[in-house]
Amino acid sequence: SEPLAALSLAHTTIFRNAATALEVVLNANSTLDLGSCKIGSLECHGLCAHSSLTNISLADNKIGDEGATAIGMVLKTNSTLVLLDLRCCQIGSSGCVALSSGLGANLTLTEIHFADNVIGDEGATA
């Protein structure tokens, strides 16, 4: 059978152990939608590090600056991610600075959605 090309679990509650289990499934998917799934900062690094994913939506989750920092670190070495949706993720200026650092080294990401975060002046100039 063919592997899933896209997986949407939007608006479901995913707890830490379920997010870890999802990482195994992700190896065969290119699109992952975890919008409004109550994902926290701890799950961000593992979810964004998969080499098979090209599109990830973490919109409307409370990943905050800590999660954004983890994603920024992953972006420095990720070579497959094309779209990243981080709308309404409670990311502040320090998270935006960390993301900007990762984006500077990333050559594949072409689209990032970042609306409805509180990035402040420092984040806006990063």
Foldseek 3Di string as FASTA:
>chain_A
DQQEAEDEPEQAAADPVNLVVVLVSCQRYAYYEHHNHQDELVSQLSVLQHQNYAYYEPAQYQHELSNLLSNLVSLLPHARHAEYEHHNHQYEQNSLVSNVNSVVNHDRHDYYHYHPYHHPPNSVVD
